Amino acid sequence: MRGTPRRSRSWLEDWPRRARLEMEARRAFSDLGYRRLQRRTGPVDTWRLTVAVPGYETRDVVIEFDRRNPSDPRVYVDGPAGSAGSAHRYQERGGTLLCLWYPGDDRSQRWEPDDGLLVLIGMIAEHLLKEAWWRERGEWIGEEYPHSLAAVGRHR
């Protein structure tokens, strides 16, 4: 007799895997805090921390993972919003959302859960450094795609 097919668990629901993916970040960021929120759309896992931006101000960061899409983090950060922050920030739900990669980017250019949270935090820190440089000098360091919510759709 066959049982009910099991739904494959995401990394957020697989506690041993999640602990491995979170471990290095916890070692590197003593203020890393976790909280699970319940929204109308379902559970959201959040991590909060302070990220140092070399040569610039530190930033408060919130990383959110919706359980329906656990490979696609939403990253909120304090600091300048909209065009004052960079073309790579958007106002959403009362916060400033970072656009870390272009939706059409190859998987090698995006964060994947098996990379671990520390790699994601490194991508965030790099992005924040590029923004600070852009605000100071008017030049974006590295690759950059044109941005328009209407043209591109949902950014990360």
Protein backbone atom coordinates (compact mmCIF):
# COMPACT_ATOMS: atom_id res chain seq x y z
CA MET A 1 0.00 0.00 0.00
CA ARG A 2 1.35 3.36 -0.95
CA GLY A 3 1.36 6.22 1.49
CA THR A 4 0.57 9.82 0.81
CA PRO A 5 3.36 11.33 -1.29
CA ARG A 6 5.54 13.54 0.86
CA ARG A 7 6.05 17.09 -0.18
CA SER A 8 9.76 17.81 -0.46
CA ARG A 9 10.87 20.15 2.27
CA SER A 10 12.64 23.38 1.55
CA TRP A 11 15.86 24.27 3.31
CA LEU A 12 13.79 26.41 5.70
CA GLU A 13 11.83 23.39 6.88
CA ASP A 14 14.78 20.96 6.97
CA TRP A 15 16.30 21.83 10.38
CA PRO A 16 19.67 20.02 10.01
CA ARG A 17 20.22 21.50 6.53
CA ARG A 18 19.13 24.95 7.70
CA ALA A 19 21.53 24.77 10.66
CA ARG A 20 24.42 23.98 8.29
CA LEU A 21 23.47 26.83 5.94
CA GLU A 22 23.14 29.26 8.86
CA MET A 23 26.16 28.19 10.95
CA GLU A 24 28.93 30.25 9.30
CA ALA A 25 26.75 33.37 9.30
CA ARG A 26 26.11 32.96 13.03
CA ARG A 27 29.87 32.73 13.65
CA ALA A 28 30.59 35.85 11.57
CA PHE A 29 27.69 38.00 12.82
CA SER A 30 27.11 37.85 16.57
CA ASP A 31 23.99 40.02 16.24
CA LEU A 32 22.32 37.73 13.68
CA GLY A 33 18.80 37.15 14.93
CA TYR A 34 16.09 34.88 13.60
CA ARG A 35 12.33 35.26 13.80
CA ARG A 36 9.45 33.51 12.09
CA LEU A 37 6.53 35.74 11.18
CA GLN A 38 3.05 34.71 10.22
CA ARG A 39 1.51 36.75 7.43
CA ARG A 40 -1.79 36.32 5.63
CA THR A 41 0.13 34.63 2.82
CA GLY A 42 1.84 32.17 5.18
CA PRO A 43 5.01 31.88 7.25
CA VAL A 44 7.98 34.14 6.58
CA ASP A 45 11.43 33.41 8.02
CA THR A 46 13.49 36.51 8.81
CA TRP A 47 17.07 37.17 9.83
CA ARG A 48 18.19 40.57 11.14
CA LEU A 49 21.75 41.81 11.41
CA THR A 50 24.04 44.79 11.09
CA VAL A 51 26.35 44.78 8.06
CA ALA A 52 29.57 46.77 8.03
CA VAL A 53 30.22 48.62 4.78
CA PRO A 54 33.99 49.26 4.63
CA GLY A 55 34.67 53.01 4.60
CA TYR A 56 30.98 53.86 5.02
CA GLU A 57 28.14 53.61 7.54
CA THR A 58 26.92 50.26 8.83
CA ARG A 59 23.47 49.19 7.68
CA ASP A 60 20.64 47.35 9.41
CA VAL A 61 19.53 44.47 7.20
CA VAL A 62 16.47 42.22 7.26
CA ILE A 63 16.50 39.12 5.06
CA GLU A 64 13.09 37.53 4.48
CA PHE A 65 12.21 34.18 2.98
CA ASP A 66 8.63 33.40 2.11
CA ARG A 67 8.11 29.67 2.55
CA ARG A 68 6.36 29.53 -0.83
CA ASN A 69 9.56 30.65 -2.56
CA PRO A 70 12.52 29.78 -0.29
CA SER A 71 15.23 30.45 -2.88
CA ASP A 72 14.22 34.05 -3.48
CA PRO A 73 15.09 36.27 -0.50
CA ARG A 74 13.74 39.76 -0.05
CA VAL A 75 16.39 42.01 1.48
CA TYR A 76 15.42 45.19 3.29
CA VAL A 77 17.96 47.74 4.45
CA ASP A 78 17.99 51.10 6.19
CA GLY A 79 19.55 54.19 4.64
CA PRO A 80 18.73 56.31 1.62
CA ALA A 81 15.71 55.14 -0.32
CA GLY A 82 14.71 55.42 -3.95
CA SER A 83 16.92 57.33 -6.33
CA ALA A 84 18.82 58.88 -3.38
CA GLY A 85 19.88 55.36 -2.32
CA SER A 86 20.48 54.02 -5.82
CA ALA A 87 18.53 52.76 -8.79
CA HIS A 88 18.78 49.37 -7.09
CA ARG A 89 16.38 50.08 -4.20
CA TYR A 90 12.60 50.06 -4.08
CA GLN A 91 10.05 51.12 -1.50
CA GLU A 92 7.91 48.22 -0.38
CA ARG A 93 5.78 47.60 2.72
CA GLY A 94 7.27 50.59 4.50
CA GLY A 95 10.86 49.46 3.89
CA THR A 96 13.59 49.74 1.31
CA LEU A 97 14.05 46.57 -0.76
CA LEU A 98 17.40 45.88 -2.45
CA CYS A 99 17.67 44.66 -6.02
CA LEU A 100 20.62 42.29 -5.74
CA TRP A 101 20.38 40.62 -9.13
CA TYR A 102 18.52 40.85 -12.39
CA PRO A 103 15.61 38.37 -12.65
CA GLY A 104 17.05 36.93 -15.87
CA ASP A 105 20.51 36.34 -14.40
CA ASP A 106 22.01 32.90 -14.70
CA ARG A 107 21.86 30.81 -11.51
CA SER A 108 25.64 31.24 -11.14
CA GLN A 109 25.07 34.99 -10.62
CA ARG A 110 22.29 34.54 -8.06
CA TRP A 111 22.19 33.25 -4.53
CA GLU A 112 21.12 29.65 -4.01
CA PRO A 113 20.23 28.19 -0.58
CA ASP A 114 23.13 25.72 -0.62
CA ASP A 115 25.49 28.71 -0.82
CA GLY A 116 24.56 29.44 2.81
CA LEU A 117 23.47 32.63 4.50
CA LEU A 118 27.04 33.92 4.82
CA VAL A 119 27.39 34.07 1.02
CA LEU A 120 24.08 35.94 0.77
CA ILE A 121 25.23 38.41 3.43
CA GLY A 122 28.46 38.87 1.46
CA MET A 123 26.42 39.70 -1.66
CA ILE A 124 24.41 42.20 0.38
CA ALA A 125 27.58 43.82 1.77
CA GLU A 126 29.05 44.10 -1.74
CA HIS A 127 25.83 45.68 -3.01
CA LEU A 128 25.80 48.18 -0.13
CA LEU A 129 29.42 49.14 -0.87
CA LYS A 130 28.56 49.72 -4.55
CA GLU A 131 25.61 51.89 -3.52
CA ALA A 132 27.70 53.98 -1.14
CA TRP A 133 30.35 54.44 -3.84
CA TRP A 134 27.65 55.43 -6.36
CA ARG A 135 26.16 58.00 -3.95
CA GLU A 136 29.61 59.49 -3.36
CA ARG A 137 31.01 59.40 -6.90
CA GLY A 138 28.07 58.87 -9.27
CA GLU A 139 29.56 55.65 -10.64
CA TRP A 140 28.23 52.11 -10.17
CA ILE A 141 31.05 49.60 -9.77
CA GLY A 142 30.62 46.41 -11.81
CA GLU A 143 27.81 45.16 -14.03
CA GLU A 144 24.56 47.03 -13.94
CA TYR A 145 21.23 46.49 -15.64
CA PRO A 146 18.71 49.25 -16.38
CA HIS A 147 15.94 49.25 -13.79
CA SER A 148 12.25 49.74 -14.11
CA LEU A 149 9.70 47.86 -12.05
CA ALA A 150 7.29 47.97 -14.98
CA ALA A 151 9.85 46.71 -17.49
CA VAL A 152 11.64 44.15 -15.38
CA GLY A 153 8.99 42.95 -12.96
CA ARG A 154 9.93 41.71 -9.53
CA HIS A 155 13.53 42.59 -8.64
CA ARG A 156 15.90 41.00 -6.15
